[in-house]
Amino acid sequence: SAKRAAKEQFDNITDTEDYTNSCSPE
């Protein structure tokens, strides 16, 4: 349970906004 909670917390912190699609591949 503690491991799951720590993983959820880590995922919440590292799940950040991704703006890659707003930049052209070139």
mmCIF file of all heavy atoms, coordinates in Angstrom:
data_MODEL
# 
_entry.id   MODEL 
# 
loop_
_atom_site.group_PDB 
_atom_site.id 
_atom_site.type_symbol 
_atom_site.label_atom_id 
_atom_site.label_alt_id 
_atom_site.label_comp_id 
_atom_site.label_asym_id 
_atom_site.label_entity_id 
_atom_site.label_seq_id 
_atom_site.pdbx_PDB_ins_code 
_atom_site.Cartn_x 
_atom_site.Cartn_y 
_atom_site.Cartn_z 
_atom_site.occupancy 
_atom_site.B_iso_or_equiv 
_atom_site.pdbx_formal_charge 
_atom_site.auth_seq_id 
_atom_site.auth_comp_id 
_atom_site.auth_asym_id 
_atom_site.auth_atom_id 
_atom_site.pdbx_PDB_model_num 
ATOM 1   N N   . SER A 1 1  ? 0.835  -1.209 0.000   1.00 0.00 ? 1  SER A N   1 
ATOM 2   C CA  . SER A 1 1  ? 0.000  0.000  0.000   1.00 0.00 ? 1  SER A CA  1 
ATOM 3   C C   . SER A 1 1  ? 0.864  1.251  0.000   1.00 0.00 ? 1  SER A C   1 
ATOM 4   O O   . SER A 1 1  ? 0.599  2.200  -0.727  1.00 0.00 ? 1  SER A O   1 
ATOM 5   C CB  . SER A 1 1  ? -0.912 0.026  1.229   1.00 0.00 ? 1  SER A CB  1 
ATOM 6   O OG  . SER A 1 1  ? -1.797 -1.049 1.202   1.00 0.00 ? 1  SER A OG  1 
ATOM 7   N N   . ALA A 1 2  ? 1.919  1.241  0.816   1.00 0.00 ? 2  ALA A N   1 
ATOM 8   C CA  . ALA A 1 2  ? 2.824  2.387  0.870   1.00 0.00 ? 2  ALA A CA  1 
ATOM 9   C C   . ALA A 1 2  ? 3.546  2.565  -0.462  1.00 0.00 ? 2  ALA A C   1 
ATOM 10  O O   . ALA A 1 2  ? 3.734  3.689  -0.941  1.00 0.00 ? 2  ALA A O   1 
ATOM 11  C CB  . ALA A 1 2  ? 3.829  2.218  1.999   1.00 0.00 ? 2  ALA A CB  1 
ATOM 12  N N   . LYS A 1 3  ? 3.932  1.454  -1.073  1.00 0.00 ? 3  LYS A N   1 
ATOM 13  C CA  . LYS A 1 3  ? 4.617  1.502  -2.363  1.00 0.00 ? 3  LYS A CA  1 
ATOM 14  C C   . LYS A 1 3  ? 3.693  2.079  -3.445  1.00 0.00 ? 3  LYS A C   1 
ATOM 15  O O   . LYS A 1 3  ? 4.109  2.912  -4.246  1.00 0.00 ? 3  LYS A O   1 
ATOM 16  C CB  . LYS A 1 3  ? 5.081  0.088  -2.738  1.00 0.00 ? 3  LYS A CB  1 
ATOM 17  C CG  . LYS A 1 3  ? 6.083  0.035  -3.850  1.00 0.00 ? 3  LYS A CG  1 
ATOM 18  C CD  . LYS A 1 3  ? 6.740  -1.335 -3.911  1.00 0.00 ? 3  LYS A CD  1 
ATOM 19  C CE  . LYS A 1 3  ? 6.106  -2.164 -4.972  1.00 0.00 ? 3  LYS A CE  1 
ATOM 20  N NZ  . LYS A 1 3  ? 6.764  -3.445 -5.196  1.00 0.00 ? 3  LYS A NZ  1 
ATOM 21  N N   . ARG A 1 4  ? 2.430  1.639  -3.436  1.00 0.00 ? 4  ARG A N   1 
ATOM 22  C CA  . ARG A 1 4  ? 1.455  2.168  -4.404  1.00 0.00 ? 4  ARG A CA  1 
ATOM 23  C C   . ARG A 1 4  ? 1.239  3.661  -4.191  1.00 0.00 ? 4  ARG A C   1 
ATOM 24  O O   . ARG A 1 4  ? 1.186  4.434  -5.138  1.00 0.00 ? 4  ARG A O   1 
ATOM 25  C CB  . ARG A 1 4  ? 0.138  1.415  -4.294  1.00 0.00 ? 4  ARG A CB  1 
ATOM 26  C CG  . ARG A 1 4  ? 0.069  0.155  -5.114  1.00 0.00 ? 4  ARG A CG  1 
ATOM 27  C CD  . ARG A 1 4  ? -1.351 -0.380 -5.209  1.00 0.00 ? 4  ARG A CD  1 
ATOM 28  N NE  . ARG A 1 4  ? -1.959 -0.668 -3.921  1.00 0.00 ? 4  ARG A NE  1 
ATOM 29  C CZ  . ARG A 1 4  ? -1.766 -1.783 -3.230  1.00 0.00 ? 4  ARG A CZ  1 
ATOM 30  N NH1 . ARG A 1 4  ? -0.982 -2.723 -3.696  1.00 0.00 ? 4  ARG A NH1 1 
ATOM 31  N NH2 . ARG A 1 4  ? -2.355 -1.963 -2.076  1.00 0.00 ? 4  ARG A NH2 1 
ATOM 32  N N   . ALA A 1 5  ? 1.119  4.069  -2.930  1.00 0.00 ? 5  ALA A N   1 
ATOM 33  C CA  . ALA A 1 5  ? 0.898  5.485  -2.627  1.00 0.00 ? 5  ALA A CA  1 
ATOM 34  C C   . ALA A 1 5  ? 2.097  6.323  -3.052  1.00 0.00 ? 5  ALA A C   1 
ATOM 35  O O   . ALA A 1 5  ? 1.927  7.418  -3.613  1.00 0.00 ? 5  ALA A O   1 
ATOM 36  C CB  . ALA A 1 5  ? 0.628  5.671  -1.135  1.00 0.00 ? 5  ALA A CB  1 
ATOM 37  N N   . ALA A 1 6  ? 3.309  5.815  -2.809  1.00 0.00 ? 6  ALA A N   1 
ATOM 38  C CA  . ALA A 1 6  ? 4.516  6.546  -3.228  1.00 0.00 ? 6  ALA A CA  1 
ATOM 39  C C   . ALA A 1 6  ? 4.588  6.656  -4.742  1.00 0.00 ? 6  ALA A C   1 
ATOM 40  O O   . ALA A 1 6  ? 4.936  7.704  -5.281  1.00 0.00 ? 6  ALA A O   1 
ATOM 41  C CB  . ALA A 1 6  ? 5.761  5.855  -2.678  1.00 0.00 ? 6  ALA A CB  1 
ATOM 42  N N   . LYS A 1 7  ? 4.232  5.584  -5.444  1.00 0.00 ? 7  LYS A N   1 
ATOM 43  C CA  . LYS A 1 7  ? 4.248  5.616  -6.909  1.00 0.00 ? 7  LYS A CA  1 
ATOM 44  C C   . LYS A 1 7  ? 3.215  6.604  -7.444  1.00 0.00 ? 7  LYS A C   1 
ATOM 45  O O   . LYS A 1 7  ? 3.492  7.357  -8.372  1.00 0.00 ? 7  LYS A O   1 
ATOM 46  C CB  . LYS A 1 7  ? 3.995  4.232  -7.488  1.00 0.00 ? 7  LYS A CB  1 
ATOM 47  C CG  . LYS A 1 7  ? 4.054  4.245  -9.012  1.00 0.00 ? 7  LYS A CG  1 
ATOM 48  C CD  . LYS A 1 7  ? 4.026  2.890  -9.605  1.00 0.00 ? 7  LYS A CD  1 
ATOM 49  C CE  . LYS A 1 7  ? 4.032  2.842  -11.099 1.00 0.00 ? 7  LYS A CE  1 
ATOM 50  N NZ  . LYS A 1 7  ? 4.163  4.029  -11.862 1.00 0.00 ? 7  LYS A NZ  1 
ATOM 51  N N   . GLU A 1 8  ? 2.033  6.624  -6.850  1.00 0.00 ? 8  GLU A N   1 
ATOM 52  C CA  . GLU A 1 8  ? 1.005  7.590  -7.261  1.00 0.00 ? 8  GLU A CA  1 
ATOM 53  C C   . GLU A 1 8  ? 1.485  9.022  -7.048  1.00 0.00 ? 8  GLU A C   1 
ATOM 54  O O   . GLU A 1 8  ? 1.302  9.886  -7.903  1.00 0.00 ? 8  GLU A O   1 
ATOM 55  C CB  . GLU A 1 8  ? -0.297 7.358  -6.487  1.00 0.00 ? 8  GLU A CB  1 
ATOM 56  C CG  . GLU A 1 8  ? -1.073 6.152  -6.945  1.00 0.00 ? 8  GLU A CG  1 
ATOM 57  C CD  . GLU A 1 8  ? -2.305 5.907  -6.091  1.00 0.00 ? 8  GLU A CD  1 
ATOM 58  O OE1 . GLU A 1 8  ? -2.819 6.872  -5.464  1.00 0.00 ? 8  GLU A OE1 1 
ATOM 59  O OE2 . GLU A 1 8  ? -2.757 4.752  -6.040  1.00 0.00 ? 8  GLU A OE2 1 
ATOM 60  N N   . GLN A 1 9  ? 2.112  9.280  -5.898  1.00 0.00 ? 9  GLN A N   1 
ATOM 61  C CA  . GLN A 1 9  ? 2.634  10.618 -5.604  1.00 0.00 ? 9  GLN A CA  1 
ATOM 62  C C   . GLN A 1 9  ? 3.719  10.996 -6.602  1.00 0.00 ? 9  GLN A C   1 
ATOM 63  O O   . GLN A 1 9  ? 3.744  12.106 -7.122  1.00 0.00 ? 9  GLN A O   1 
ATOM 64  C CB  . GLN A 1 9  ? 3.173  10.674 -4.168  1.00 0.00 ? 9  GLN A CB  1 
ATOM 65  C CG  . GLN A 1 9  ? 3.610  12.035 -3.740  1.00 0.00 ? 9  GLN A CG  1 
ATOM 66  C CD  . GLN A 1 9  ? 2.457  13.021 -3.647  1.00 0.00 ? 9  GLN A CD  1 
ATOM 67  O OE1 . GLN A 1 9  ? 1.314  12.652 -3.423  1.00 0.00 ? 9  GLN A OE1 1 
ATOM 68  N NE2 . GLN A 1 9  ? 2.747  14.283 -3.826  1.00 0.00 ? 9  GLN A NE2 1 
ATOM 69  N N   . PHE A 1 10 ? 4.630  10.073 -6.895  1.00 0.00 ? 10 PHE A N   1 
ATOM 70  C CA  . PHE A 1 10 ? 5.692  10.315 -7.867  1.00 0.00 ? 10 PHE A CA  1 
ATOM 71  C C   . PHE A 1 10 ? 5.096  10.601 -9.242  1.00 0.00 ? 10 PHE A C   1 
ATOM 72  O O   . PHE A 1 10 ? 5.519  11.534 -9.931  1.00 0.00 ? 10 PHE A O   1 
ATOM 73  C CB  . PHE A 1 10 ? 6.634  9.111  -7.931  1.00 0.00 ? 10 PHE A CB  1 
ATOM 74  C CG  . PHE A 1 10 ? 7.736  9.265  -8.938  1.00 0.00 ? 10 PHE A CG  1 
ATOM 75  C CD1 . PHE A 1 10 ? 8.849  10.031 -8.638  1.00 0.00 ? 10 PHE A CD1 1 
ATOM 76  C CD2 . PHE A 1 10 ? 7.649  8.663  -10.185 1.00 0.00 ? 10 PHE A CD2 1 
ATOM 77  C CE1 . PHE A 1 10 ? 9.869  10.195 -9.566  1.00 0.00 ? 10 PHE A CE1 1 
ATOM 78  C CE2 . PHE A 1 10 ? 8.660  8.811  -11.117 1.00 0.00 ? 10 PHE A CE2 1 
ATOM 79  C CZ  . PHE A 1 10 ? 9.772  9.583  -10.808 1.00 0.00 ? 10 PHE A CZ  1 
ATOM 80  N N   . ASP A 1 11 ? 4.111  9.810  -9.647  1.00 0.00 ? 11 ASP A N   1 
ATOM 81  C CA  . ASP A 1 11 ? 3.465  10.020 -10.944 1.00 0.00 ? 11 ASP A CA  1 
ATOM 82  C C   . ASP A 1 11 ? 2.775  11.378 -11.008 1.00 0.00 ? 11 ASP A C   1 
ATOM 83  O O   . ASP A 1 11 ? 2.800  12.050 -12.039 1.00 0.00 ? 11 ASP A O   1 
ATOM 84  C CB  . ASP A 1 11 ? 2.469  8.904  -11.243 1.00 0.00 ? 11 ASP A CB  1 
ATOM 85  C CG  . ASP A 1 11 ? 3.159  7.576  -11.536 1.00 0.00 ? 11 ASP A CG  1 
ATOM 86  O OD1 . ASP A 1 11 ? 4.390  7.581  -11.807 1.00 0.00 ? 11 ASP A OD1 1 
ATOM 87  O OD2 . ASP A 1 11 ? 2.475  6.534  -11.477 1.00 0.00 ? 11 ASP A OD2 1 
ATOM 88  N N   . ASN A 1 12 ? 2.158  11.803 -9.900  1.00 0.00 ? 12 ASN A N   1 
ATOM 89  C CA  . ASN A 1 12 ? 1.512  13.117 -9.862  1.00 0.00 ? 12 ASN A CA  1 
ATOM 90  C C   . ASN A 1 12 ? 2.528  14.243 -10.036 1.00 0.00 ? 12 ASN A C   1 
ATOM 91  O O   . ASN A 1 12 ? 2.255  15.234 -10.715 1.00 0.00 ? 12 ASN A O   1 
ATOM 92  C CB  . ASN A 1 12 ? 0.750  13.317 -8.550  1.00 0.00 ? 12 ASN A CB  1 
ATOM 93  C CG  . ASN A 1 12 ? -0.513 12.505 -8.492  1.00 0.00 ? 12 ASN A CG  1 
ATOM 94  O OD1 . ASN A 1 12 ? -1.043 12.062 -9.510  1.00 0.00 ? 12 ASN A OD1 1 
ATOM 95  N ND2 . ASN A 1 12 ? -1.011 12.285 -7.291  1.00 0.00 ? 12 ASN A ND2 1 
ATOM 96  N N   . ILE A 1 13 ? 3.694  14.093 -9.419  1.00 0.00 ? 13 ILE A N   1 
ATOM 97  C CA  . ILE A 1 13 ? 4.725  15.129 -9.504  1.00 0.00 ? 13 ILE A CA  1 
ATOM 98  C C   . ILE A 1 13 ? 5.341  15.179 -10.894 1.00 0.00 ? 13 ILE A C   1 
ATOM 99  O O   . ILE A 1 13 ? 5.583  16.247 -11.444 1.00 0.00 ? 13 ILE A O   1 
ATOM 100 C CB  . ILE A 1 13 ? 5.821  14.903 -8.438  1.00 0.00 ? 13 ILE A CB  1 
ATOM 101 C CG1 . ILE A 1 13 ? 5.254  15.165 -7.047  1.00 0.00 ? 13 ILE A CG1 1 
ATOM 102 C CG2 . ILE A 1 13 ? 7.043  15.778 -8.683  1.00 0.00 ? 13 ILE A CG2 1 
ATOM 103 C CD1 . ILE A 1 13 ? 6.171  14.748 -5.915  1.00 0.00 ? 13 ILE A CD1 1 
ATOM 104 N N   . THR A 1 14 ? 5.584  14.020 -11.471 1.00 0.00 ? 14 THR A N   1 
ATOM 105 C CA  . THR A 1 14 ? 6.289  13.973 -12.761 1.00 0.00 ? 14 THR A CA  1 
ATOM 106 C C   . THR A 1 14 ? 5.364  14.039 -13.970 1.00 0.00 ? 14 THR A C   1 
ATOM 107 O O   . THR A 1 14 ? 5.842  14.150 -15.096 1.00 0.00 ? 14 THR A O   1 
ATOM 108 C CB  . THR A 1 14 ? 7.166  12.711 -12.865 1.00 0.00 ? 14 THR A CB  1 
ATOM 109 O OG1 . THR A 1 14 ? 6.338  11.552 -12.718 1.00 0.00 ? 14 THR A OG1 1 
ATOM 110 C CG2 . THR A 1 14 ? 8.255  12.720 -11.818 1.00 0.00 ? 14 THR A CG2 1 
ATOM 111 N N   . ASP A 1 15 ? 4.071  13.979 -13.761 1.00 0.00 ? 15 ASP A N   1 
ATOM 112 C CA  . ASP A 1 15 ? 3.127  14.073 -14.874 1.00 0.00 ? 15 ASP A CA  1 
ATOM 113 C C   . ASP A 1 15 ? 2.871  15.551 -15.167 1.00 0.00 ? 15 ASP A C   1 
ATOM 114 O O   . ASP A 1 15 ? 1.929  16.146 -14.659 1.00 0.00 ? 15 ASP A O   1 
ATOM 115 C CB  . ASP A 1 15 ? 1.823  13.345 -14.536 1.00 0.00 ? 15 ASP A CB  1 
ATOM 116 C CG  . ASP A 1 15 ? 0.859  13.339 -15.708 1.00 0.00 ? 15 ASP A CG  1 
ATOM 117 O OD1 . ASP A 1 15 ? 1.323  13.422 -16.862 1.00 0.00 ? 15 ASP A OD1 1 
ATOM 118 O OD2 . ASP A 1 15 ? -0.360 13.255 -15.467 1.00 0.00 ? 15 ASP A OD2 1 
ATOM 119 N N   . THR A 1 16 ? 3.739  16.128 -15.980 1.00 0.00 ? 16 THR A N   1 
ATOM 120 C CA  . THR A 1 16 ? 3.663  17.558 -16.265 1.00 0.00 ? 16 THR A CA  1 
ATOM 121 C C   . THR A 1 16 ? 3.145  17.800 -17.674 1.00 0.00 ? 16 THR A C   1 
ATOM 122 O O   . THR A 1 16 ? 3.074  16.891 -18.495 1.00 0.00 ? 16 THR A O   1 
ATOM 123 C CB  . THR A 1 16 ? 5.047  18.210 -16.104 1.00 0.00 ? 16 THR A CB  1 
ATOM 124 O OG1 . THR A 1 16 ? 5.972  17.567 -16.987 1.00 0.00 ? 16 THR A OG1 1 
ATOM 125 C CG2 . THR A 1 16 ? 5.549  18.095 -14.674 1.00 0.00 ? 16 THR A CG2 1 
ATOM 126 N N   . GLU A 1 17 ? 2.799  19.048 -17.926 1.00 0.00 ? 17 GLU A N   1 
ATOM 127 C CA  . GLU A 1 17 ? 2.247  19.450 -19.222 1.00 0.00 ? 17 GLU A CA  1 
ATOM 128 C C   . GLU A 1 17 ? 3.271  19.241 -20.336 1.00 0.00 ? 17 GLU A C   1 
ATOM 129 O O   . GLU A 1 17 ? 4.435  19.580 -20.189 1.00 0.00 ? 17 GLU A O   1 
ATOM 130 C CB  . GLU A 1 17 ? 1.852  20.930 -19.144 1.00 0.00 ? 17 GLU A CB  1 
ATOM 131 C CG  . GLU A 1 17 ? 0.822  21.350 -20.138 1.00 0.00 ? 17 GLU A CG  1 
ATOM 132 C CD  . GLU A 1 17 ? -0.546 20.754 -19.884 1.00 0.00 ? 17 GLU A CD  1 
ATOM 133 O OE1 . GLU A 1 17 ? -0.946 20.622 -18.713 1.00 0.00 ? 17 GLU A OE1 1 
ATOM 134 O OE2 . GLU A 1 17 ? -1.203 20.397 -20.870 1.00 0.00 ? 17 GLU A OE2 1 
ATOM 135 N N   . ASP A 1 18 ? 2.810  18.709 -21.449 1.00 0.00 ? 18 ASP A N   1 
ATOM 136 C CA  . ASP A 1 18 ? 3.674  18.440 -22.596 1.00 0.00 ? 18 ASP A CA  1 
ATOM 137 C C   . ASP A 1 18 ? 3.254  19.349 -23.760 1.00 0.00 ? 18 ASP A C   1 
ATOM 138 O O   . ASP A 1 18 ? 2.121  19.285 -24.226 1.00 0.00 ? 18 ASP A O   1 
ATOM 139 C CB  . ASP A 1 18 ? 3.563  16.968 -23.001 1.00 0.00 ? 18 ASP A CB  1 
ATOM 140 C CG  . ASP A 1 18 ? 4.605  16.546 -24.020 1.00 0.00 ? 18 ASP A CG  1 
ATOM 141 O OD1 . ASP A 1 18 ? 5.217  17.431 -24.653 1.00 0.00 ? 18 ASP A OD1 1 
ATOM 142 O OD2 . ASP A 1 18 ? 4.799  15.334 -24.182 1.00 0.00 ? 18 ASP A OD2 1 
ATOM 143 N N   . TYR A 1 19 ? 4.174  20.203 -24.202 1.00 0.00 ? 19 TYR A N   1 
ATOM 144 C CA  . TYR A 1 19 ? 3.910  21.147 -25.284 1.00 0.00 ? 19 TYR A CA  1 
ATOM 145 C C   . TYR A 1 19 ? 4.632  20.764 -26.575 1.00 0.00 ? 19 TYR A C   1 
ATOM 146 O O   . TYR A 1 19 ? 4.768  21.586 -27.479 1.00 0.00 ? 19 TYR A O   1 
ATOM 147 C CB  . TYR A 1 19 ? 4.345  22.559 -24.864 1.00 0.00 ? 19 TYR A CB  1 
ATOM 148 C CG  . TYR A 1 19 ? 3.553  23.099 -23.702 1.00 0.00 ? 19 TYR A CG  1 
ATOM 149 C CD1 . TYR A 1 19 ? 4.034  23.017 -22.407 1.00 0.00 ? 19 TYR A CD1 1 
ATOM 150 C CD2 . TYR A 1 19 ? 2.310  23.678 -23.903 1.00 0.00 ? 19 TYR A CD2 1 
ATOM 151 C CE1 . TYR A 1 19 ? 3.310  23.498 -21.334 1.00 0.00 ? 19 TYR A CE1 1 
ATOM 152 C CE2 . TYR A 1 19 ? 1.569  24.168 -22.837 1.00 0.00 ? 19 TYR A CE2 1 
ATOM 153 C CZ  . TYR A 1 19 ? 2.081  24.073 -21.561 1.00 0.00 ? 19 TYR A CZ  1 
ATOM 154 O OH  . TYR A 1 19 ? 1.352  24.552 -20.506 1.00 0.00 ? 19 TYR A OH  1 
ATOM 155 N N   . THR A 1 20 ? 5.079  19.530 -26.673 1.00 0.00 ? 20 THR A N   1 
ATOM 156 C CA  . THR A 1 20 ? 5.849  19.091 -27.833 1.00 0.00 ? 20 THR A CA  1 
ATOM 157 C C   . THR A 1 20 ? 5.074  19.300 -29.137 1.00 0.00 ? 20 THR A C   1 
ATOM 158 O O   . THR A 1 20 ? 5.651  19.718 -30.147 1.00 0.00 ? 20 THR A O   1 
ATOM 159 C CB  . THR A 1 20 ? 6.255  17.616 -27.685 1.00 0.00 ? 20 THR A CB  1 
ATOM 160 O OG1 . THR A 1 20 ? 6.919  17.453 -26.436 1.00 0.00 ? 20 THR A OG1 1 
ATOM 161 C CG2 . THR A 1 20 ? 7.176  17.182 -28.804 1.00 0.00 ? 20 THR A CG2 1 
ATOM 162 N N   . ASN A 1 21 ? 3.778  19.044 -29.126 1.00 0.00 ? 21 ASN A N   1 
ATOM 163 C CA  . ASN A 1 21 ? 2.978  19.171 -30.343 1.00 0.00 ? 21 ASN A CA  1 
ATOM 164 C C   . ASN A 1 21 ? 2.834  20.612 -30.817 1.00 0.00 ? 21 ASN A C   1 
ATOM 165 O O   . ASN A 1 21 ? 2.439  20.853 -31.964 1.00 0.00 ? 21 ASN A O   1 
ATOM 166 C CB  . ASN A 1 21 ? 1.600  18.550 -30.146 1.00 0.00 ? 21 ASN A CB  1 
ATOM 167 C CG  . ASN A 1 21 ? 1.669  17.050 -30.024 1.00 0.00 ? 21 ASN A CG  1 
ATOM 168 O OD1 . ASN A 1 21 ? 2.600  16.418 -30.505 1.00 0.00 ? 21 ASN A OD1 1 
ATOM 169 N ND2 . ASN A 1 21 ? 0.692  16.458 -29.357 1.00 0.00 ? 21 ASN A ND2 1 
ATOM 170 N N   . SER A 1 22 ? 3.148  21.581 -29.972 1.00 0.00 ? 22 SER A N   1 
ATOM 171 C CA  . SER A 1 22 ? 3.052  22.978 -30.378 1.00 0.00 ? 22 SER A CA  1 
ATOM 172 C C   . SER A 1 22 ? 4.295  23.441 -31.147 1.00 0.00 ? 22 SER A C   1 
ATOM 173 O O   . SER A 1 22 ? 4.326  24.550 -31.664 1.00 0.00 ? 22 SER A O   1 
ATOM 174 C CB  . SER A 1 22 ? 2.809  23.884 -29.172 1.00 0.00 ? 22 SER A CB  1 
ATOM 175 O OG  . SER A 1 22 ? 3.948  23.896 -28.337 1.00 0.00 ? 22 SER A OG  1 
ATOM 176 N N   . CYS A 1 23 ? 5.309  22.596 -31.221 1.00 0.00 ? 23 CYS A N   1 
ATOM 177 C CA  . CYS A 1 23 ? 6.545  22.910 -31.948 1.00 0.00 ? 23 CYS A CA  1 
ATOM 178 C C   . CYS A 1 23 ? 6.601  22.048 -33.209 1.00 0.00 ? 23 CYS A C   1 
ATOM 179 O O   . CYS A 1 23 ? 6.190  20.893 -33.198 1.00 0.00 ? 23 CYS A O   1 
ATOM 180 C CB  . CYS A 1 23 ? 7.771  22.616 -31.087 1.00 0.00 ? 23 CYS A CB  1 
ATOM 181 S SG  . CYS A 1 23 ? 7.797  23.490 -29.508 1.00 0.00 ? 23 CYS A SG  1 
ATOM 182 N N   . SER A 1 24 ? 7.127  22.625 -34.277 1.00 0.00 ? 24 SER A N   1 
ATOM 183 C CA  . SER A 1 24 ? 7.229  21.849 -35.514 1.00 0.00 ? 24 SER A CA  1 
ATOM 184 C C   . SER A 1 24 ? 8.351  20.816 -35.395 1.00 0.00 ? 24 SER A C   1 
ATOM 185 O O   . SER A 1 24 ? 9.348  21.053 -34.716 1.00 0.00 ? 24 SER A O   1 
ATOM 186 C CB  . SER A 1 24 ? 7.497  22.777 -36.699 1.00 0.00 ? 24 SER A CB  1 
ATOM 187 O OG  . SER A 1 24 ? 8.823  23.253 -36.669 1.00 0.00 ? 24 SER A OG  1 
ATOM 188 N N   . PRO A 1 25 ? 8.187  19.677 -36.065 1.00 0.00 ? 25 PRO A N   1 
ATOM 189 C CA  . PRO A 1 25 ? 9.240  18.651 -36.019 1.00 0.00 ? 25 PRO A CA  1 
ATOM 190 C C   . PRO A 1 25 ? 10.592 19.175 -36.518 1.00 0.00 ? 25 PRO A C   1 
ATOM 191 O O   . PRO A 1 25 ? 11.636 18.789 -36.001 1.00 0.00 ? 25 PRO A O   1 
ATOM 192 C CB  . PRO A 1 25 ? 8.708  17.541 -36.935 1.00 0.00 ? 25 PRO A CB  1 
ATOM 193 C CG  . PRO A 1 25 ? 7.228  17.725 -36.939 1.00 0.00 ? 25 PRO A CG  1 
ATOM 194 C CD  . PRO A 1 25 ? 7.011  19.197 -36.792 1.00 0.00 ? 25 PRO A CD  1 
ATOM 195 N N   . GLU A 1 26 ? 10.568 20.072 -37.507 1.00 0.00 ? 26 GLU A N   1 
ATOM 196 C CA  . GLU A 1 26 ? 11.818 20.641 -38.015 1.00 0.00 ? 26 GLU A CA  1 
ATOM 197 C C   . GLU A 1 26 ? 12.492 21.510 -36.955 1.00 0.00 ? 26 GLU A C   1 
ATOM 198 O O   . GLU A 1 26 ? 13.709 21.471 -36.784 1.00 0.00 ? 26 GLU A O   1 
ATOM 199 C CB  . GLU A 1 26 ? 11.564 21.484 -39.284 1.00 0.00 ? 26 GLU A CB  1 
ATOM 200 C CG  . GLU A 1 26 ? 11.004 20.701 -40.451 1.00 0.00 ? 26 GLU A CG  1 
ATOM 201 C CD  . GLU A 1 26 ? 9.488  20.492 -40.366 1.00 0.00 ? 26 GLU A CD  1 
ATOM 202 O OE1 . GLU A 1 26 ? 8.779  21.285 -39.674 1.00 0.00 ? 26 GLU A OE1 1 
ATOM 203 O OE2 . GLU A 1 26 ? 9.002  19.526 -40.967 1.00 0.00 ? 26 GLU A OE2 1 
# 
